[in-house]
Protein backbone atom coordinates (compact mmCIF):
# COMPACT_ATOMS: atom_id res chain seq x y z
CA UNK A 1 -10.33 4.23 -8.37
CA UNK A 2 -8.51 0.92 -8.81
CA UNK A 3 -8.03 -1.61 -11.42
CA UNK A 4 -10.88 -4.14 -11.90
CA UNK A 5 -11.00 -7.27 -9.99
CA UNK A 6 -10.49 -9.42 -12.78
CA UNK A 7 -7.35 -7.70 -14.16
CA UNK A 8 -5.93 -10.28 -12.45
CA UNK A 9 -6.86 -13.15 -14.15
CA UNK A 10 -6.42 -11.37 -17.48
CA UNK A 11 -2.82 -10.99 -16.93
CA UNK A 12 -2.67 -14.77 -15.99
CA UNK A 13 -4.28 -15.86 -19.10
CA UNK A 14 -1.94 -13.75 -21.23
CA UNK A 15 1.47 -15.39 -19.63
CA UNK A 16 -0.25 -18.81 -20.03
CA UNK A 17 -0.74 -17.53 -24.08
CA UNK A 18 3.00 -16.17 -24.24
CA UNK A 19 4.31 -19.41 -22.40
CA UNK A 20 2.32 -21.73 -25.18
CA UNK A 21 3.67 -19.73 -27.94
CA UNK A 22 7.38 -19.97 -26.79
CA UNK A 23 7.46 -23.87 -26.57
CA UNK A 24 5.69 -23.84 -30.23
CA UNK A 25 8.55 -22.21 -31.50
CA UNK A 26 11.21 -24.46 -29.19
CA UNK A 27 9.10 -27.60 -30.41
CA UNK A 28 10.20 -27.01 -34.65
CA UNK A 29 9.02 -30.06 -36.53
CA UNK A 30 11.02 -31.43 -39.05
CA UNK A 31 12.34 -30.94 -41.78
CA UNK A 32 14.42 -28.16 -39.85
CA UNK A 33 15.59 -24.97 -41.86
CA UNK A 34 18.63 -23.22 -40.77
CA UNK A 35 21.80 -20.68 -42.02
CA UNK A 36 24.93 -20.63 -40.48
CA UNK A 37 25.55 -16.98 -41.53
CA UNK A 38 22.92 -15.52 -39.22
CA UNK A 39 21.99 -17.02 -35.93
CA UNK A 40 18.41 -15.91 -35.77
CA UNK A 41 17.14 -14.43 -39.05
CA UNK A 42 14.33 -12.74 -39.26
CA UNK A 43 11.73 -13.28 -41.90
CA UNK A 44 12.55 -10.46 -43.90
CA UNK A 45 16.11 -11.16 -43.63
CA UNK A 46 17.58 -12.08 -47.56
CA UNK A 47 20.05 -14.95 -47.55
CA UNK A 48 21.42 -17.21 -50.59
CA UNK A 49 22.64 -20.29 -48.56
CA UNK A 50 20.64 -22.53 -46.24
CA UNK A 51 20.68 -25.72 -44.92
CA UNK A 52 18.21 -28.49 -44.50
CA UNK A 53 17.62 -31.63 -42.12
CA UNK A 54 14.55 -33.28 -44.03
CA UNK A 55 14.15 -35.68 -41.13
CA UNK A 56 13.66 -38.58 -43.83
CA UNK A 57 15.55 -39.66 -46.40
CA UNK A 58 14.69 -37.70 -49.75
CA UNK A 59 15.54 -37.81 -53.54
CA UNK A 60 17.68 -34.93 -54.04
CA UNK A 61 17.06 -34.79 -57.59
CA UNK A 62 13.45 -34.15 -57.54
CA UNK A 63 14.05 -31.34 -54.88
CA UNK A 64 16.20 -29.82 -56.70
CA UNK A 65 14.14 -29.55 -59.47
CA UNK A 66 11.02 -28.51 -57.94
CA UNK A 67 13.16 -25.63 -55.90
CA UNK A 68 14.29 -24.52 -59.06
CA UNK A 69 10.67 -24.20 -60.29
CA UNK A 70 9.64 -22.83 -57.22
CA UNK A 71 12.44 -19.82 -56.79
CA UNK A 72 12.46 -19.09 -60.85
CA UNK A 73 16.26 -19.43 -60.61
CA UNK A 74 19.23 -21.50 -60.85
CA UNK A 75 19.34 -23.47 -57.22
CA UNK A 76 22.21 -25.68 -56.35
CA UNK A 77 21.55 -28.65 -53.82
CA UNK A 78 24.36 -30.44 -52.45
CA UNK A 79 24.34 -33.56 -50.02
CA UNK A 80 25.45 -33.00 -46.39
CA UNK A 81 26.19 -35.19 -43.38
CA UNK A 82 23.65 -37.12 -41.41
CA UNK A 83 20.88 -36.76 -44.18
CA UNK A 84 20.99 -33.21 -44.93
CA UNK A 85 21.51 -31.09 -47.32
CA UNK A 86 22.51 -27.60 -48.73
CA UNK A 87 20.96 -25.00 -50.63
CA UNK A 88 22.87 -22.58 -52.65
CA UNK A 89 20.37 -19.99 -54.64
CA UNK A 90 21.33 -17.72 -57.39
CA UNK A 91 19.81 -14.55 -56.06
CA UNK A 92 19.45 -13.88 -52.27
CA UNK A 93 16.06 -14.43 -51.25
CA UNK A 94 13.88 -13.71 -47.67
CA UNK A 95 13.86 -16.18 -45.19
CA UNK A 96 9.76 -16.70 -44.89
CA UNK A 97 9.89 -17.19 -49.09
CA UNK A 98 12.49 -20.02 -48.95
CA UNK A 99 10.82 -21.57 -45.79
CA UNK A 100 7.57 -21.62 -47.78
CA UNK A 101 9.33 -22.93 -51.03
CA UNK A 102 11.49 -25.72 -49.20
CA UNK A 103 8.79 -27.13 -47.43
CA UNK A 104 6.34 -27.21 -50.73
CA UNK A 105 9.54 -29.00 -52.41
CA UNK A 106 9.77 -31.97 -49.75
CA UNK A 107 6.41 -32.70 -50.20
CA UNK A 108 7.10 -33.75 -53.60
CA UNK A 109 9.65 -36.08 -52.48
């Protein structure tokens, strides 16, 4: 017995769904968070340094205070070029936690 005749359409739907996921990853909204140490960090990777492009002018003092509160450790925030800023953490933290905390801190400003 062969495959049912509708299996071709299921494959096409899966392919379209996968393509939509890829385009949503490529069109990442601002703010953009990245690290020069790991090219494509996985959510469970632990890092202590990263850069952020908030996409708008921000108050670095307020963001630094909020990050320190969210992380519960010492956090150093430095202004960088083109409106970006760099964050140094006292302890290494998972990338997914970093993304969540940074987005929450940027909402305050």
